[in-house]
Amino acid sequence: MTKVYNFAQMFHLQPALIVRRVGKSLLAGMMSVCLYAAGPAVVEAQNLPENLVSSDKSGDLSERYHPASMSFAPCAENPHLECGRLTLPVDYSKPSGDKFDLAVARARATKPHQRIGVLLALPGGPGLSGVDFLLGAGNSPTLIRLLERFDVVSFDPRGAGRSRPVSCEFEGENFPADPSDEALAAFFDNFGRRFARACLTQNGNFIKSLGTNNVARDMDALRRALGEEQISYVGISYATVLGAVYSSLFPQRVRAMVLDGGVAPEFEDYFVESWSEFSTGFERAFQRLDQLCRRDPACRLQTPSVVAVFDEVAARLKAAPVTSPEGVVLSNNELADIISALLSGEENWPLIVDALAEARGADYSILFQVLSLIPPSNDAVFPFFCNDYGTRRPASEYLPVDEAVGALNPRFFGRFFVASATARCTAWPKAEAPLIQNVKNRVSTPILLVGNDFDPNTHLAGTRSLAHALGMDRTIIRYQGGGHTAVGVSACIDDAVVAYLLNLTVPAEGFSCPAQPIGFGPPATQHAITAGRTASEVNRQSFWGPRPPRIRKLHQ
């Protein structure tokens, strides 16, 4: 009997950094991410209009900008929340120049007489909608506790959502029929040039401003517009970079800061390595799921194993894709998309077992349900990565790494994943890397960083590196489980975070929380069953609201 699963409160979709499926051209055959840059030989800004050469030198001039106070009105999508717009300069060194409107949402403190201040909560991406993030927030007891004492605020970063969104449209070329090393290098180098030209010419100078340094400046302008001396902050995934930059630029304005799922602070020439590590993270998390299943007699795939059944189903779908009654095609590529999306939420791991067990018996209903819920891509992620990361290597330099990583991690990303990510920014103009400094003696309260042992998206090592860069090596708390980010997953983690945000209580050095038990069992008791869930209802996170959308990737 076909089952319909309720994915609400359990569908973690936050690989802010995965990859996008772009149609049927090249990339429609094998690659899709969008990330870093390449080398001077590939594309300098040589063929681009001179007025599109990047040069962000505003620095802390943003503090001289005096934004108008904000006015709010009930949000159209949810009248219990307030929405408003803040007009800001594109370039803080030219405050009278080009402007854009920052879209903001706010939930007011429910006990205003006990109000501490503003808590800014941001999703990752980069470039994900903070307004949607807040509009979709759940009603967990932990969030309710914080809403008693804080106005919880979020916003759409410049270039995304409702804040002057950008888009980059262009026709890709066919992947080389005879992919020799020379042909591949020429293809990816040309792709980088085409992508840069499309983004820059379609969006003008504004797109050069879509970097984390400028978003941090926007955040401080928002603080001033709200009339706050200091803010508290929670950033997840790529929003940890935003928090790190904000504390580096405006340390005196930080009351408390939680960075959950830290991104490594290397940006000058780290794009190739970053995507290599990202690919490895998903394979490691999948192997951990396989280990847990093998140890539990209740797991439906204890034998022959989760990994073996995935490989079996993937091979079958590659040879003969399946089409749903609605005309949706499920191939091995979509299978990889689905399982990697579910890996980002530890609470979804039993669902992976059920989906693969059913698919092994030729019932693909769970896979089709999940596939229909994977959110669309976000164009703003590409320019943010290109402006933040400094990698500008020609394809001939990163293709050997791509080939090796693809061979090591073939299940979810495989060959050309690193290349398709790196190529996006190879022709991008030089830009200002995120400014991250040691703030140990500059912030009033130590910053709290949270990391997971088996986070597929952001490695615990990245959290440690970010903590070290900020001078916060002693204020890392560790979740011993999997999934992407830990706040809202573990009551142990939540209690520590809430005590920190409310009372500025810093956990003891070395603090860690055990993994939540993974309950394998009969599907009917393991998951609630319901029908008619919309994507917005399903794409929830138990604590902060909806998980950021997954950027779908292209496969070979």
Protein backbone atom coordinates (compact mmCIF):
# COMPACT_ATOMS: atom_id res chain seq x y z
CA MET A 1 0.00 0.00 0.00
CA THR A 2 1.36 3.42 -0.95
CA LYS A 3 2.10 5.58 2.08
CA VAL A 4 2.08 9.37 2.30
CA TYR A 5 4.56 10.68 4.85
CA ASN A 6 4.38 13.82 6.90
CA PHE A 7 7.80 15.39 6.49
CA ALA A 8 6.97 18.39 8.69
CA GLN A 9 9.39 18.92 11.57
CA MET A 10 11.81 16.46 10.05
CA PHE A 11 12.83 17.62 6.60
CA HIS A 12 16.25 19.25 7.03
CA LEU A 13 17.15 20.88 3.74
CA GLN A 14 20.18 22.92 4.28
CA PRO A 15 22.99 22.05 2.03
CA ALA A 16 23.28 25.66 1.31
CA LEU A 17 26.22 24.60 -0.69
CA ILE A 18 25.20 21.89 -3.05
CA VAL A 19 24.52 22.37 -6.69
CA ARG A 20 22.01 23.37 -9.20
CA ARG A 21 20.36 21.52 -12.05
CA VAL A 22 20.11 23.88 -14.95
CA GLY A 23 18.14 22.42 -17.81
CA LYS A 24 19.28 20.33 -20.71
CA SER A 25 22.35 22.07 -21.98
CA LEU A 26 25.77 21.12 -20.87
CA LEU A 27 25.26 21.45 -17.36
CA ALA A 28 22.13 19.65 -17.89
CA GLY A 29 24.22 16.71 -18.34
CA MET A 30 26.66 16.80 -15.57
CA MET A 31 27.43 19.61 -13.39
CA SER A 32 25.88 22.11 -11.32
CA VAL A 33 27.11 24.09 -8.51
CA CYS A 34 28.23 27.50 -8.50
CA LEU A 35 31.04 28.57 -6.54
CA TYR A 36 34.49 29.72 -6.54
CA ALA A 37 36.78 31.33 -8.90
CA ALA A 38 39.66 30.33 -11.00
CA GLY A 39 42.94 31.67 -12.16
CA PRO A 40 44.21 34.69 -13.91
CA ALA A 41 44.89 32.71 -17.03
CA VAL A 42 41.26 31.79 -17.32
CA VAL A 43 39.57 35.08 -16.90
CA GLU A 44 40.69 38.20 -15.62
CA ALA A 45 38.11 40.87 -15.88
CA GLN A 46 39.67 41.21 -19.29
CA ASN A 47 36.62 40.90 -21.48
CA LEU A 48 34.23 42.61 -19.12
CA PRO A 49 33.12 46.24 -19.20
CA GLU A 50 35.44 48.43 -17.13
CA ASN A 51 32.60 49.70 -14.96
CA LEU A 52 31.98 46.14 -13.80
CA VAL A 53 35.40 45.64 -12.26
CA SER A 54 34.93 44.97 -8.54
CA SER A 55 36.41 47.31 -5.94
CA ASP A 56 34.72 47.31 -2.55
CA LYS A 57 36.69 49.67 -0.34
CA SER A 58 33.95 50.96 1.90
CA GLY A 59 35.34 49.41 5.07
CA ASP A 60 33.83 50.88 8.20
CA LEU A 61 32.58 53.93 6.35
CA SER A 62 29.20 52.26 6.82
CA GLU A 63 29.16 53.58 10.39
CA ARG A 64 28.91 57.11 9.01
CA TYR A 65 25.66 56.25 7.26
CA HIS A 66 22.58 57.21 9.27
CA PRO A 67 19.58 55.12 8.23
CA ALA A 68 16.08 56.34 8.84
CA SER A 69 14.15 54.68 11.65
CA MET A 70 12.04 51.76 10.50
CA SER A 71 8.30 51.40 10.40
CA PHE A 72 6.62 47.99 10.42
CA ALA A 73 3.21 46.65 9.46
CA PRO A 74 1.66 43.19 9.72
CA CYS A 75 3.19 40.81 7.17
CA ALA A 76 0.83 39.87 4.37
CA GLU A 77 1.81 36.21 4.71
CA ASN A 78 1.46 36.15 8.50
CA PRO A 79 -0.23 39.04 10.33
CA HIS A 80 1.25 37.87 13.64
CA LEU A 81 4.64 39.03 12.36
CA GLU A 82 5.72 42.50 11.29
CA CYS A 83 7.39 43.34 7.98
CA GLY A 84 9.23 46.45 6.89
CA ARG A 85 11.82 47.81 4.48
CA LEU A 86 15.03 49.73 5.09
CA THR A 87 16.58 51.79 2.29
CA LEU A 88 20.37 51.36 2.19
CA PRO A 89 23.20 52.40 -0.13
CA VAL A 90 24.70 49.81 -2.44
CA ASP A 91 28.15 51.26 -1.67
CA TYR A 92 28.63 52.83 1.77
CA SER A 93 31.47 54.97 0.44
CA LYS A 94 28.87 56.58 -1.84
CA PRO A 95 25.85 57.01 0.45
CA SER A 96 24.07 59.27 -2.02
CA GLY A 97 24.47 56.83 -4.87
CA ASP A 98 22.52 53.74 -5.86
CA LYS A 99 20.13 52.39 -3.20
CA PHE A 100 18.23 49.20 -2.50
CA ASP A 101 15.52 48.21 -0.01
CA LEU A 102 16.34 45.62 2.63
CA ALA A 103 13.31 43.44 3.42
CA VAL A 104 12.96 42.79 7.18
CA ALA A 105 10.62 40.66 9.31
CA ARG A 106 10.15 40.84 13.09
CA ALA A 107 8.42 38.82 15.81
CA ARG A 108 7.93 41.01 18.89
CA ALA A 109 8.84 39.81 22.37
CA THR A 110 5.81 38.28 24.08
CA LYS A 111 6.88 39.62 27.49
CA PRO A 112 7.95 43.17 26.61
CA HIS A 113 8.53 44.12 30.26
CA GLN A 114 11.26 41.44 30.37
CA ARG A 115 12.64 42.20 26.91
CA ILE A 116 16.42 41.87 26.52
CA GLY A 117 16.69 43.30 23.00
CA VAL A 118 16.88 42.09 19.40
CA LEU A 119 17.91 38.59 18.39
CA LEU A 120 18.87 38.43 14.72
CA ALA A 121 18.40 34.92 13.30
CA LEU A 122 19.79 34.21 9.83
CA PRO A 123 19.82 31.13 7.59
CA GLY A 124 22.77 30.25 5.42
CA GLY A 125 23.07 30.08 1.70
CA PRO A 126 24.63 32.47 1.15
CA GLY A 127 21.78 34.64 -0.03
CA LEU A 128 18.81 32.79 1.47
CA SER A 129 15.65 34.63 2.51
CA GLY A 130 15.65 35.49 6.18
CA VAL A 131 12.09 36.81 5.87
CA ASP A 132 10.84 33.43 4.68
CA PHE A 133 13.02 31.88 7.36
CA LEU A 134 11.11 33.78 10.07
CA LEU A 135 7.69 33.53 8.41
CA GLY A 136 8.01 29.75 8.48
CA ALA A 137 9.29 29.53 12.06
CA GLY A 138 7.89 26.73 14.16
CA ASN A 139 6.55 26.85 17.69
CA SER A 140 9.08 24.78 19.56
CA PRO A 141 9.26 25.30 23.33
CA THR A 142 12.82 26.59 22.92
CA LEU A 143 11.83 29.26 20.41
CA ILE A 144 8.86 30.26 22.55
CA ARG A 145 11.21 30.79 25.50
CA LEU A 146 13.42 33.08 23.45
CA LEU A 147 10.48 34.99 22.00
CA GLU A 148 9.44 35.92 25.53
CA ARG A 149 12.61 37.94 25.97
CA PHE A 150 13.68 38.97 22.45
CA ASP A 151 12.33 40.63 19.37
CA VAL A 152 13.41 38.01 16.83
CA VAL A 153 14.36 39.69 13.55
CA SER A 154 15.55 38.43 10.18
CA PHE A 155 16.06 39.91 6.72
CA ASP A 156 16.65 39.06 3.08
CA PRO A 157 20.29 39.84 2.24
CA ARG A 158 20.90 42.26 -0.61
CA GLY A 159 20.42 40.48 -3.94
CA ALA A 160 18.11 37.80 -2.54
CA GLY A 161 14.43 37.27 -1.80
CA ARG A 162 12.67 40.61 -1.54
CA SER A 163 15.86 42.69 -1.35
CA ARG A 164 16.49 43.53 -5.01
CA PRO A 165 16.99 39.93 -6.17
CA VAL A 166 19.48 39.18 -8.92
CA SER A 167 19.43 36.57 -11.65
CA CYS A 168 21.99 35.22 -14.08
CA GLU A 169 20.50 33.74 -17.25
CA PHE A 170 22.53 32.37 -20.12
CA GLU A 171 22.59 29.44 -22.50
CA GLY A 172 25.18 26.83 -21.69
CA GLU A 173 27.07 25.00 -24.39
CA ASN A 174 27.13 21.26 -24.93
CA PHE A 175 29.57 19.21 -22.92
CA PRO A 176 32.46 18.03 -25.14
CA ALA A 177 31.69 14.74 -26.85
CA ASP A 178 35.32 13.70 -26.55
CA PRO A 179 36.29 14.91 -23.06
CA SER A 180 40.05 15.04 -23.34
CA ASP A 181 41.93 17.03 -20.71
CA GLU A 182 42.37 19.90 -23.14
CA ALA A 183 38.70 19.90 -24.20
CA LEU A 184 37.50 19.79 -20.60
CA ALA A 185 39.76 22.66 -19.57
CA ALA A 186 38.56 24.79 -22.49
CA PHE A 187 34.94 23.96 -21.72
CA PHE A 188 35.10 24.92 -18.03
CA ASP A 189 37.17 28.05 -18.69
CA ASN A 190 34.66 29.20 -21.27
CA PHE A 191 31.79 28.39 -18.96
CA GLY A 192 33.30 30.66 -16.31
CA ARG A 193 33.59 33.53 -18.76
CA ARG A 194 30.00 33.10 -19.95
CA PHE A 195 28.65 32.95 -16.43
CA ALA A 196 30.53 36.05 -15.26
CA ARG A 197 29.49 38.06 -18.28
CA ALA A 198 25.84 37.10 -17.88
CA CYS A 199 25.73 37.95 -14.16
CA LEU A 200 27.63 41.20 -14.44
CA THR A 201 25.97 42.61 -17.52
CA GLN A 202 22.45 41.70 -16.41
CA ASN A 203 22.79 43.18 -12.93
CA GLY A 204 25.38 45.93 -13.29
CA ASN A 205 27.49 47.20 -10.42
CA PHE A 206 24.98 46.02 -7.82
CA ILE A 207 26.00 42.39 -8.20
CA LYS A 208 29.58 43.22 -7.20
CA SER A 209 28.30 44.34 -3.80
CA LEU A 210 26.82 40.95 -2.90
CA GLY A 211 29.52 39.93 -0.48
CA THR A 212 29.41 39.02 3.19
CA ASN A 213 31.30 42.16 4.24
CA ASN A 214 28.58 44.36 2.81
CA VAL A 215 25.79 42.24 4.31
CA ALA A 216 27.46 42.69 7.70
CA ARG A 217 27.41 46.45 7.11
CA ASP A 218 23.73 46.22 6.19
CA MET A 219 23.13 44.30 9.42
CA ASP A 220 24.69 47.06 11.48
CA ALA A 221 22.65 49.69 9.66
CA LEU A 222 19.58 47.64 10.57
CA ARG A 223 20.70 47.60 14.20
CA ARG A 224 20.90 51.38 14.18
CA ALA A 225 17.53 51.72 12.45
CA LEU A 226 16.00 49.55 15.17
CA GLY A 227 17.53 51.77 17.82
CA GLU A 228 19.61 49.04 19.46
CA GLU A 229 23.02 49.56 21.06
CA GLN A 230 23.87 45.86 20.71
CA ILE A 231 22.36 42.79 19.10
CA SER A 232 22.29 39.08 19.83
CA TYR A 233 22.73 36.82 16.84
CA VAL A 234 22.20 33.23 15.73
CA GLY A 235 23.62 32.26 12.34
CA ILE A 236 23.43 28.79 10.84
CA SER A 237 25.59 27.31 8.09
CA TYR A 238 26.95 30.07 5.80
CA ALA A 239 25.42 32.67 8.12
CA THR A 240 28.24 31.76 10.51
CA VAL A 241 30.50 33.66 8.11
CA LEU A 242 28.21 36.67 8.38
CA GLY A 243 28.36 36.51 12.17
CA ALA A 244 32.15 36.19 12.12
CA VAL A 245 32.49 39.20 9.82
CA TYR A 246 30.02 41.26 11.83
CA SER A 247 31.89 40.59 15.07
CA SER A 248 35.16 41.51 13.33
CA LEU A 249 33.83 44.81 11.95
CA PHE A 250 31.57 45.78 14.86
CA PRO A 251 32.73 43.86 17.96
CA GLN A 252 31.37 46.42 20.39
CA ARG A 253 27.88 45.86 18.99
CA VAL A 254 27.76 42.15 19.82
CA ARG A 255 25.91 41.22 23.00
CA ALA A 256 25.89 37.46 22.30
CA MET A 257 26.50 35.35 19.19
CA VAL A 258 25.82 31.70 18.32
CA LEU A 259 27.39 30.26 15.16
CA ASP A 260 25.95 26.83 14.33
CA GLY A 261 27.55 24.74 11.58
CA GLY A 262 30.65 26.84 11.04
CA VAL A 263 32.17 27.44 7.61
CA ALA A 264 35.96 27.39 7.47
CA PRO A 265 37.33 30.97 7.38
CA GLU A 266 39.75 30.41 4.47
CA PHE A 267 38.63 32.47 1.48
CA GLU A 268 41.63 33.82 -0.38
CA ASP A 269 42.19 30.68 -2.49
CA TYR A 270 40.21 27.84 -0.99
CA PHE A 271 37.29 27.14 -3.30
CA VAL A 272 38.64 23.91 -4.81
CA GLU A 273 39.53 22.47 -1.42
CA SER A 274 36.26 23.59 0.14
CA TRP A 275 34.15 21.73 -2.41
CA SER A 276 36.35 18.68 -2.13
CA GLU A 277 35.70 18.61 1.62
CA PHE A 278 32.01 19.22 1.08
CA SER A 279 31.75 16.18 -1.18
CA THR A 280 33.55 14.05 1.40
CA GLY A 281 31.18 15.14 4.17
CA PHE A 282 28.15 13.56 2.55
CA GLU A 283 29.88 10.26 1.99
CA ARG A 284 31.03 10.22 5.63
CA ALA A 285 27.51 10.92 6.92
CA PHE A 286 26.07 8.19 4.67
CA GLN A 287 28.61 5.69 5.95
CA ARG A 288 27.64 6.65 9.53
CA LEU A 289 23.99 5.91 8.74
CA ASP A 290 25.08 2.57 7.32
CA GLN A 291 26.97 1.77 10.55
CA LEU A 292 23.99 2.61 12.75
CA CYS A 293 21.66 0.50 10.63
CA ARG A 294 23.99 -2.53 10.70
CA ARG A 295 23.98 -2.41 14.52
CA ASP A 296 20.19 -2.27 14.90
CA PRO A 297 18.11 -5.42 14.27
CA ALA A 298 15.07 -3.19 13.76
CA CYS A 299 16.66 -1.52 10.73
CA ARG A 300 15.09 -2.79 7.53
CA LEU A 301 18.43 -2.69 5.70
CA GLN A 302 20.63 -4.20 8.38
CA THR A 303 21.49 -6.67 5.63
CA PRO A 304 22.73 -6.25 2.99
CA SER A 305 23.30 -2.62 4.23
CA VAL A 306 22.12 0.88 3.39
CA VAL A 307 25.11 1.54 1.13
CA ALA A 308 24.68 -1.70 -0.81
CA VAL A 309 20.97 -1.07 -1.42
CA PHE A 310 21.63 2.51 -2.52
CA ASP A 311 24.17 1.26 -5.06
CA GLU A 312 21.74 -1.39 -6.26
CA VAL A 313 18.84 1.06 -6.70
CA ALA A 314 21.09 3.70 -8.29
CA ALA A 315 22.38 1.20 -10.86
CA ARG A 316 18.84 0.15 -11.72
CA LEU A 317 17.60 3.72 -12.12
CA LYS A 318 20.61 4.64 -14.22
CA ALA A 319 19.82 1.79 -16.60
CA ALA A 320 16.06 2.40 -16.61
CA PRO A 321 14.72 5.66 -15.07
CA VAL A 322 11.18 5.54 -13.67
CA THR A 323 8.43 8.05 -14.48
CA SER A 324 5.61 8.92 -12.06
CA PRO A 325 1.96 9.24 -13.19
CA GLU A 326 2.54 13.02 -13.10
CA GLY A 327 5.42 12.72 -15.56
CA VAL A 328 8.27 13.24 -13.07
CA VAL A 329 11.39 11.29 -13.98
CA LEU A 330 13.40 9.52 -11.31
CA SER A 331 16.89 8.49 -12.36
CA ASN A 332 20.06 7.81 -10.41
CA ASN A 333 20.72 11.57 -10.49
CA GLU A 334 17.47 12.38 -8.69
CA LEU A 335 18.11 9.55 -6.24
CA ALA A 336 21.42 11.18 -5.28
CA ASP A 337 19.66 14.55 -4.90
CA ILE A 338 17.02 13.06 -2.61
CA ILE A 339 19.29 11.07 -0.33
CA SER A 340 21.85 13.87 0.03
CA ALA A 341 19.03 16.29 0.92
CA LEU A 342 17.71 13.93 3.60
CA LEU A 343 21.20 13.33 5.01
CA SER A 344 21.23 16.98 6.09
CA GLY A 345 18.58 16.22 8.73
CA GLU A 346 19.51 13.47 11.18
CA GLU A 347 15.83 12.96 11.99
CA ASN A 348 15.36 11.99 8.33
CA TRP A 349 17.87 9.16 8.42
CA PRO A 350 15.25 6.47 9.17
CA LEU A 351 13.29 7.84 6.22
CA ILE A 352 16.31 7.21 3.98
CA VAL A 353 16.21 3.56 5.06
CA ASP A 354 12.48 3.30 4.33
CA ALA A 355 12.79 5.02 0.96
CA LEU A 356 15.62 2.74 -0.16
CA ALA A 357 13.95 -0.40 1.22
CA GLU A 358 10.75 0.41 -0.68
CA ALA A 359 12.66 1.32 -3.84
CA ARG A 360 14.51 -1.99 -3.69
CA GLY A 361 11.09 -3.61 -4.07
CA ALA A 362 10.25 -1.24 -6.97
CA ASP A 363 8.01 1.04 -4.88
CA TYR A 364 9.32 4.58 -5.51
CA SER A 365 6.47 6.49 -3.86
CA ILE A 366 8.54 7.86 -0.96
CA LEU A 367 11.29 9.02 -3.31
CA PHE A 368 8.79 10.81 -5.55
CA GLN A 369 7.23 12.52 -2.51
CA VAL A 370 10.55 13.83 -1.29
CA LEU A 371 11.63 14.88 -4.78
CA SER A 372 8.52 17.05 -5.09
CA LEU A 373 9.48 18.87 -1.88
CA ILE A 374 13.05 19.85 -2.73
CA PRO A 375 12.87 23.66 -2.99
CA PRO A 376 14.00 25.62 -6.03
CA SER A 377 17.45 27.04 -6.46
CA ASN A 378 18.57 30.51 -5.48
CA ASP A 379 20.42 32.67 -8.02
CA ALA A 380 22.01 34.90 -5.37
CA VAL A 381 24.24 32.11 -4.09
CA PHE A 382 26.50 32.29 -7.15
CA PRO A 383 27.50 35.98 -6.92
CA PHE A 384 27.97 35.71 -3.15
CA PHE A 385 30.42 32.88 -3.54
CA CYS A 386 32.26 34.62 -6.34
CA ASN A 387 32.57 37.84 -4.36
CA ASP A 388 33.60 36.08 -1.14
CA TYR A 389 36.08 33.56 -2.48
CA GLY A 390 39.32 34.45 -4.20
CA THR A 391 40.07 31.28 -6.16
CA ARG A 392 40.85 32.25 -9.76
CA ARG A 393 42.57 29.13 -11.08
CA PRO A 394 42.36 27.92 -14.68
CA ALA A 395 40.58 24.61 -15.18
CA SER A 396 43.83 22.81 -15.97
CA GLU A 397 44.81 23.36 -12.32
CA TYR A 398 41.67 22.06 -10.61
CA LEU A 399 40.54 19.26 -12.95
CA PRO A 400 43.05 16.74 -11.48
CA VAL A 401 41.58 17.38 -8.02
CA ASP A 402 38.07 17.08 -9.43
CA GLU A 403 38.87 13.71 -10.97
CA ALA A 404 40.38 12.34 -7.75
CA VAL A 405 37.54 13.59 -5.54
CA GLY A 406 34.95 12.29 -7.98
CA ALA A 407 36.49 8.82 -7.81
CA LEU A 408 36.57 8.86 -4.01
CA ASN A 409 33.01 10.16 -3.59
CA PRO A 410 30.98 8.94 -6.57
CA ARG A 411 27.57 8.45 -4.97
CA PHE A 412 26.20 11.96 -4.45
CA PHE A 413 28.41 14.29 -6.46
CA GLY A 414 31.10 12.43 -8.35
CA ARG A 415 33.19 13.64 -11.25
CA PHE A 416 32.85 17.28 -12.32
CA PHE A 417 31.26 18.38 -9.03
CA VAL A 418 34.33 20.31 -7.90
CA ALA A 419 34.91 21.57 -11.44
CA SER A 420 31.36 22.79 -11.98
CA ALA A 421 31.49 24.64 -8.66
CA THR A 422 34.89 26.18 -9.21
CA ALA A 423 34.23 27.20 -12.81
CA ARG A 424 31.42 29.55 -11.85
CA CYS A 425 33.79 32.19 -10.58
CA THR A 426 36.90 31.70 -12.64
CA ALA A 427 36.26 34.82 -14.69
CA TRP A 428 34.87 36.89 -11.85
CA PRO A 429 36.53 40.23 -11.05
CA LYS A 430 38.79 40.45 -8.03
CA ALA A 431 36.75 41.03 -4.88
CA GLU A 432 37.09 41.70 -1.16
CA ALA A 433 37.28 38.49 0.90
CA PRO A 434 35.27 38.29 4.13
CA LEU A 435 37.05 40.10 6.95
CA ILE A 436 37.43 37.72 9.91
CA GLN A 437 39.71 38.65 12.80
CA ASN A 438 40.55 37.52 16.32
CA VAL A 439 37.97 39.24 18.53
CA LYS A 440 38.79 37.51 21.80
CA ASN A 441 39.51 40.76 23.61
CA ARG A 442 37.11 42.93 21.63
CA VAL A 443 33.67 41.38 22.30
CA SER A 444 32.01 41.66 25.70
CA THR A 445 30.90 38.00 25.76
CA PRO A 446 32.69 35.05 24.14
CA ILE A 447 31.10 33.81 20.90
CA LEU A 448 29.54 30.34 21.12
CA LEU A 449 30.19 27.95 18.22
CA VAL A 450 28.30 24.69 17.62
CA GLY A 451 29.48 21.80 15.46
CA ASN A 452 28.38 18.23 14.63
CA ASP A 453 30.58 15.15 14.38
CA PHE A 454 28.79 13.96 11.22
CA ASP A 455 27.55 17.17 9.64
CA PRO A 456 27.59 16.49 5.87
CA ASN A 457 27.54 20.16 4.86
CA THR A 458 29.89 21.90 7.26
CA HIS A 459 32.59 19.78 8.88
CA LEU A 460 33.36 20.03 12.58
CA ALA A 461 36.89 20.90 11.45
CA GLY A 462 35.45 24.00 9.76
CA THR A 463 33.80 25.05 13.02
CA ARG A 464 37.10 24.61 14.82
CA SER A 465 38.94 26.67 12.21
CA LEU A 466 36.38 29.45 12.43
CA ALA A 467 36.58 29.41 16.22
CA HIS A 468 40.37 29.64 16.08
CA ALA A 469 40.24 32.58 13.66
CA LEU A 470 37.91 34.42 16.04
CA GLY A 471 39.99 33.53 19.12
CA MET A 472 37.16 31.36 20.45
CA ASP A 473 38.82 27.94 20.64
CA ARG A 474 37.46 27.35 24.15
CA THR A 475 33.80 28.07 23.42
CA ILE A 476 32.98 25.28 20.98
CA ILE A 477 30.13 22.94 21.90
CA ARG A 478 29.90 19.66 20.03
CA TYR A 479 26.95 17.51 19.04
CA GLN A 480 28.05 13.91 18.64
CA GLY A 481 25.46 13.09 15.99
CA GLY A 482 24.80 13.92 12.37
CA GLY A 483 22.69 16.24 10.26
CA HIS A 484 23.47 19.81 9.30
CA THR A 485 23.57 22.07 12.40
CA ALA A 486 22.48 21.07 15.90
CA VAL A 487 20.32 23.83 17.36
CA GLY A 488 16.77 22.52 17.42
CA VAL A 489 17.89 18.92 17.16
CA SER A 490 19.24 18.19 20.63
CA ALA A 491 17.58 19.33 23.88
CA CYS A 492 21.04 19.27 25.45
CA ILE A 493 22.37 21.72 22.83
CA ASP A 494 19.23 23.87 23.03
CA ASP A 495 19.46 24.23 26.81
CA ALA A 496 23.06 25.40 26.53
CA VAL A 497 22.24 27.86 23.74
CA VAL A 498 19.20 29.30 25.53
CA ALA A 499 21.13 29.75 28.78
CA TYR A 500 23.83 31.54 26.82
CA LEU A 501 21.44 33.85 24.94
CA LEU A 502 19.30 34.70 27.95
CA ASN A 503 21.87 34.85 30.72
CA LEU A 504 25.22 35.03 28.90
CA THR A 505 26.19 31.74 30.54
CA VAL A 506 29.10 30.24 28.60
CA PRO A 507 29.36 26.41 28.71
CA ALA A 508 32.48 24.84 30.15
CA GLU A 509 35.33 24.17 27.75
CA GLY A 510 34.91 20.80 26.03
CA PHE A 511 31.12 20.74 26.48
CA SER A 512 29.44 18.14 24.25
CA CYS A 513 26.04 16.48 23.86
CA PRO A 514 25.36 12.84 22.92
CA ALA A 515 23.71 11.99 19.63
CA GLN A 516 19.96 11.54 19.58
CA PRO A 517 18.93 7.87 19.21
CA ILE A 518 18.06 6.93 15.63
CA GLY A 519 14.79 4.99 15.78
CA PHE A 520 14.63 2.43 13.02
CA GLY A 521 11.35 0.58 12.87
CA PRO A 522 8.15 -0.06 10.92
CA PRO A 523 7.37 2.89 8.63
CA ALA A 524 3.79 3.28 9.84
CA THR A 525 4.95 3.95 13.41
CA GLN A 526 8.19 5.64 12.51
CA HIS A 527 6.66 8.56 10.60
CA ALA A 528 3.37 10.37 10.88
CA ILE A 529 1.17 9.84 7.86
CA THR A 530 -0.77 12.67 6.30
CA ALA A 531 -1.58 14.12 2.90
CA GLY A 532 -1.64 17.45 1.14
CA ARG A 533 1.47 19.01 2.63
CA THR A 534 2.80 22.00 0.72
CA ALA A 535 6.48 22.65 0.27
CA SER A 536 6.37 25.59 2.69
CA GLU A 537 4.71 23.43 5.36
CA VAL A 538 7.14 20.62 4.85
CA ASN A 539 10.38 22.57 4.66
CA ARG A 540 10.53 23.22 8.39
CA GLN A 541 13.14 23.10 11.05
CA SER A 542 11.95 22.45 14.58
CA PHE A 543 13.71 25.41 16.16
CA TRP A 544 14.40 28.37 13.90
CA GLY A 545 11.94 27.82 11.08
CA PRO A 546 12.37 26.57 7.52
CA ARG A 547 15.65 25.08 6.49
CA PRO A 548 17.34 26.96 3.65
CA PRO A 549 16.51 25.55 0.22
CA ARG A 550 18.79 23.01 -1.31
CA ILE A 551 20.56 24.05 -4.47
CA ARG A 552 20.04 21.19 -6.84
CA LYS A 553 23.01 19.86 -8.67
CA LEU A 554 23.63 18.53 -12.11
CA HIS A 555 25.12 15.13 -12.64
CA GLN A 556 27.07 13.62 -15.45
